[in-house]
PDB file of N, CA and C in Angstrom:
ATOM      1  N   MET A   1    -120.959   0.736-113.932  1.00  0.00           N
ATOM      2  CA  MET A   1    -121.588   1.946-114.093  1.00  0.00           C
ATOM      3  C   MET A   1    -122.902   1.494-113.331  1.00  0.00           C
ATOM      4  N   VAL A   2    -123.598   2.527-112.633  1.00  0.00           N
ATOM      5  CA  VAL A   2    -124.682   2.179-111.698  1.00  0.00           C
ATOM      6  C   VAL A   2    -125.963   2.978-112.433  1.00  0.00           C
ATOM      7  N   GLU A   3    -127.063   2.335-112.348  1.00  0.00           N
ATOM      8  CA  GLU A   3    -127.983   2.951-113.103  1.00  0.00           C
ATOM      9  C   GLU A   3    -129.145   2.959-111.720  1.00  0.00           C
ATOM     10  N   SER A   4    -129.924   4.227-111.717  1.00  0.00           N
ATOM     11  CA  SER A   4    -130.830   4.478-110.909  1.00  0.00           C
ATOM     12  C   SER A   4    -132.627   4.510-111.558  1.00  0.00           C
ATOM     13  N   SER A   5    -133.284   3.543-110.757  1.00  0.00           N
ATOM     14  CA  SER A   5    -134.474   3.690-111.310  1.00  0.00           C
ATOM     15  C   SER A   5    -135.370   3.800-110.021  1.00  0.00           C
ATOM     16  N   ARG A   6    -136.736   4.292-110.310  1.00  0.00           N
ATOM     17  CA  ARG A   6    -137.916   4.492-109.345  1.00  0.00           C
ATOM     18  C   ARG A   6    -138.858   3.376-109.357  1.00  0.00           C
ATOM     19  N   CYS A   7    -139.105   2.833-108.305  1.00  0.00           N
ATOM     20  CA  CYS A   7    -140.109   1.806-108.019  1.00  0.00           C
ATOM     21  C   CYS A   7    -140.415   1.691-106.570  1.00  0.00           C
ATOM     22  N   GLY A   8    -141.272   2.701-106.117  1.00  0.00           N
ATOM     23  CA  GLY A   8    -141.850   2.723-104.700  1.00  0.00           C
ATOM     24  C   GLY A   8    -140.680   3.153-103.887  1.00  0.00           C
ATOM     25  N   GLY A   9    -139.601   3.723-104.448  1.00  0.00           N
ATOM     26  CA  GLY A   9    -138.440   4.329-103.923  1.00  0.00           C
ATOM     27  C   GLY A   9    -137.482   4.206-104.849  1.00  0.00           C
ATOM     28  N   THR A  10    -136.118   4.757-104.367  1.00  0.00           N
ATOM     29  CA  THR A  10    -134.963   4.795-105.183  1.00  0.00           C
ATOM     30  C   THR A  10    -134.293   3.332-104.961  1.00  0.00           C
ATOM     31  N   ALA A  11    -133.930   2.826-106.069  1.00  0.00           N
ATOM     32  CA  ALA A  11    -133.012   1.589-106.218  1.00  0.00           C
ATOM     33  C   ALA A  11    -131.953   1.707-107.048  1.00  0.00           C
ATOM     34  N   LEU A  12    -130.857   1.134-106.674  1.00  0.00           N
ATOM     35  CA  LEU A  12    -129.714   1.288-107.516  1.00  0.00           C
ATOM     36  C   LEU A  12    -129.422  -0.142-108.315  1.00  0.00           C
ATOM     37  N   ARG A  13    -128.927  -0.079-109.534  1.00  0.00           N
ATOM     38  CA  ARG A  13    -128.508  -1.492-109.932  1.00  0.00           C
ATOM     39  C   ARG A  13    -127.277  -1.352-110.674  1.00  0.00           C
ATOM     40  N   ASN A  14    -126.426  -2.469-110.468  1.00  0.00           N
ATOM     41  CA  ASN A  14    -125.071  -2.416-111.094  1.00  0.00           C
ATOM     42  C   ASN A  14    -125.270  -2.898-112.402  1.00  0.00           C
ATOM     43  N   LEU A  15    -124.834  -2.231-113.481  1.00  0.00           N
ATOM     44  CA  LEU A  15    -125.343  -2.746-114.681  1.00  0.00           C
ATOM     45  C   LEU A  15    -124.218  -4.001-115.276  1.00  0.00           C
ATOM     46  N   SER A  16    -123.164  -4.192-114.295  1.00  0.00           N
ATOM     47  CA  SER A  16    -122.364  -5.554-114.583  1.00  0.00           C
ATOM     48  C   SER A  16    -123.055  -6.713-113.881  1.00  0.00           C
ATOM     49  N   GLY A  17    -124.017  -6.492-113.263  1.00  0.00           N
ATOM     50  CA  GLY A  17    -124.707  -7.512-112.640  1.00  0.00           C
ATOM     51  C   GLY A  17    -124.091  -8.004-111.465  1.00  0.00           C
ATOM     52  N   GLU A  18    -123.158  -7.475-111.024  1.00  0.00           N
ATOM     53  CA  GLU A  18    -122.388  -7.891-109.569  1.00  0.00           C
ATOM     54  C   GLU A  18    -123.170  -6.909-108.629  1.00  0.00           C
ATOM     55  N   LYS A  19    -123.260  -7.645-107.365  1.00  0.00           N
ATOM     56  CA  LYS A  19    -123.700  -6.932-106.134  1.00  0.00           C
ATOM     57  C   LYS A  19    -122.535  -6.592-105.392  1.00  0.00           C
ATOM     58  N   GLY A  20    -122.611  -5.301-104.884  1.00  0.00           N
ATOM     59  CA  GLY A  20    -121.867  -4.976-104.103  1.00  0.00           C
ATOM     60  C   GLY A  20    -121.998  -5.236-102.702  1.00  0.00           C
ATOM     61  N   LYS A  21    -121.533  -4.743-101.689  1.00  0.00           N
ATOM     62  CA  LYS A  21    -121.544  -4.931-100.119  1.00  0.00           C
ATOM     63  C   LYS A  21    -122.246  -3.455 -99.723  1.00  0.00           C
ATOM     64  N   ILE A  22    -123.372  -3.931 -98.675  1.00  0.00           N
ATOM     65  CA  ILE A  22    -124.125  -2.968 -98.066  1.00  0.00           C
ATOM     66  C   ILE A  22    -123.839  -3.161 -96.630  1.00  0.00           C
ATOM     67  N   LEU A  23    -123.553  -1.996 -95.710  1.00  0.00           N
ATOM     68  CA  LEU A  23    -123.381  -2.124 -94.256  1.00  0.00           C
ATOM     69  C   LEU A  23    -124.622  -1.422 -93.767  1.00  0.00           C
ATOM     70  N   VAL A  24    -125.071  -2.473 -92.969  1.00  0.00           N
ATOM     71  CA  VAL A  24    -126.386  -2.040 -92.239  1.00  0.00           C
ATOM     72  C   VAL A  24    -126.197  -1.668 -90.856  1.00  0.00           C
ATOM     73  N   VAL A  25    -126.258  -0.411 -90.416  1.00  0.00           N
ATOM     74  CA  VAL A  25    -125.931  -0.416 -88.953  1.00  0.00           C
ATOM     75  C   VAL A  25    -127.234   0.225 -88.287  1.00  0.00           C
ATOM     76  N   ASP A  26    -127.906  -0.505 -87.234  1.00  0.00           N
ATOM     77  CA  ASP A  26    -128.953   0.222 -86.508  1.00  0.00           C
ATOM     78  C   ASP A  26    -129.136  -0.711 -85.128  1.00  0.00           C
ATOM     79  N   ASP A  27    -129.353   0.033 -84.215  1.00  0.00           N
ATOM     80  CA  ASP A  27    -129.348  -0.549 -82.929  1.00  0.00           C
ATOM     81  C   ASP A  27    -130.826  -1.401 -82.709  1.00  0.00           C
ATOM     82  N   GLU A  28    -131.648  -1.469 -83.553  1.00  0.00           N
ATOM     83  CA  GLU A  28    -133.077  -2.042 -83.469  1.00  0.00           C
ATOM     84  C   GLU A  28    -132.860  -3.143 -84.432  1.00  0.00           C
ATOM     85  N   ALA A  29    -133.182  -4.400 -83.713  1.00  0.00           N
ATOM     86  CA  ALA A  29    -132.939  -5.645 -84.445  1.00  0.00           C
ATOM     87  C   ALA A  29    -133.995  -5.645 -85.416  1.00  0.00           C
ATOM     88  N   SER A  30    -135.281  -5.209 -85.089  1.00  0.00           N
ATOM     89  CA  SER A  30    -136.371  -5.312 -85.954  1.00  0.00           C
ATOM     90  C   SER A  30    -136.079  -4.788 -87.481  1.00  0.00           C
ATOM     91  N   ILE A  31    -135.525  -3.499 -87.125  1.00  0.00           N
ATOM     92  CA  ILE A  31    -135.246  -2.664 -88.435  1.00  0.00           C
ATOM     93  C   ILE A  31    -134.454  -3.406 -89.232  1.00  0.00           C
ATOM     94  N   ARG A  32    -133.205  -4.221 -88.786  1.00  0.00           N
ATOM     95  CA  ARG A  32    -132.153  -4.739 -89.392  1.00  0.00           C
ATOM     96  C   ARG A  32    -132.575  -5.874 -90.049  1.00  0.00           C
ATOM     97  N   ARG A  33    -133.723  -6.747 -89.532  1.00  0.00           N
ATOM     98  CA  ARG A  33    -134.410  -7.913 -89.936  1.00  0.00           C
ATOM     99  C   ARG A  33    -135.231  -7.220 -91.421  1.00  0.00           C
ATOM    100  N   ILE A  34    -135.823  -6.340 -91.274  1.00  0.00           N
ATOM    101  CA  ILE A  34    -136.674  -5.604 -92.318  1.00  0.00           C
ATOM    102  C   ILE A  34    -135.663  -5.358 -93.419  1.00  0.00           C
ATOM    103  N   LEU A  35    -134.571  -4.665 -93.210  1.00  0.00           N
ATOM    104  CA  LEU A  35    -133.617  -4.369 -94.010  1.00  0.00           C
ATOM    105  C   LEU A  35    -133.216  -5.657 -94.950  1.00  0.00           C
ATOM    106  N   GLN A  36    -132.779  -6.573 -94.057  1.00  0.00           N
ATOM    107  CA  GLN A  36    -132.256  -7.806 -94.555  1.00  0.00           C
ATOM    108  C   GLN A  36    -133.166  -8.525 -95.488  1.00  0.00           C
ATOM    109  N   THR A  37    -134.422  -8.594 -95.043  1.00  0.00           N
ATOM    110  CA  THR A  37    -135.229  -9.494 -95.838  1.00  0.00           C
ATOM    111  C   THR A  37    -135.499  -8.606 -97.282  1.00  0.00           C
ATOM    112  N   ARG A  38    -135.700  -7.299 -97.234  1.00  0.00           N
ATOM    113  CA  ARG A  38    -135.885  -6.534 -98.427  1.00  0.00           C
ATOM    114  C   ARG A  38    -134.638  -6.824 -99.440  1.00  0.00           C
ATOM    115  N   LEU A  39    -133.442  -6.768 -98.723  1.00  0.00           N
ATOM    116  CA  LEU A  39    -132.512  -6.928 -99.478  1.00  0.00           C
ATOM    117  C   LEU A  39    -132.240  -8.269-100.239  1.00  0.00           C
ATOM    118  N   GLU A  40    -132.653  -9.265 -99.446  1.00  0.00           N
ATOM    119  CA  GLU A  40    -132.686 -10.603 -99.890  1.00  0.00           C
ATOM    120  C   GLU A  40    -133.363 -10.724-100.929  1.00  0.00           C
ATOM    121  N   MET A  41    -134.610  -9.952-100.904  1.00  0.00           N
ATOM    122  CA  MET A  41    -135.560 -10.140-101.920  1.00  0.00           C
ATOM    123  C   MET A  41    -135.199  -9.759-103.387  1.00  0.00           C
ATOM    124  N   ILE A  42    -134.273  -8.696-103.255  1.00  0.00           N
ATOM    125  CA  ILE A  42    -133.779  -8.216-104.515  1.00  0.00           C
ATOM    126  C   ILE A  42    -132.179  -8.785-104.948  1.00  0.00           C
ATOM    127  N   GLY A  43    -132.024  -9.812-104.340  1.00  0.00           N
ATOM    128  CA  GLY A  43    -130.803 -10.576-104.744  1.00  0.00           C
ATOM    129  C   GLY A  43    -129.464 -10.625-103.885  1.00  0.00           C
ATOM    130  N   TYR A  44    -129.574  -9.831-102.885  1.00  0.00           N
ATOM    131  CA  TYR A  44    -128.556  -9.831-101.772  1.00  0.00           C
ATOM    132  C   TYR A  44    -128.302 -10.942-101.045  1.00  0.00           C
ATOM    133  N   ALA A  45    -127.018 -11.424-100.877  1.00  0.00           N
ATOM    134  CA  ALA A  45    -126.976 -12.642 -99.851  1.00  0.00           C
ATOM    135  C   ALA A  45    -126.383 -12.117 -98.382  1.00  0.00           C
ATOM    136  N   PHE A  46    -126.680 -12.886 -97.512  1.00  0.00           N
ATOM    137  CA  PHE A  46    -125.941 -12.406 -96.119  1.00  0.00           C
ATOM    138  C   PHE A  46    -125.587 -13.788 -95.567  1.00  0.00           C
ATOM    139  N   GLY A  47    -124.159 -13.438 -95.196  1.00  0.00           N
ATOM    140  CA  GLY A  47    -123.425 -14.767 -94.727  1.00  0.00           C
ATOM    141  C   GLY A  47    -123.181 -14.769 -93.393  1.00  0.00           C
TER     142      GLY A  47
END
């Protein structure tokens, strides 16, 4: 089950506590770095 909440934007949270996978595609390295930083801040890991 996924819950949606508002906090400066839309955030999705998996109620089981497990993180899913997100594919980020952009030709601008700076945009990819910003997205990676933000996603890491909320608990996603990059490998």
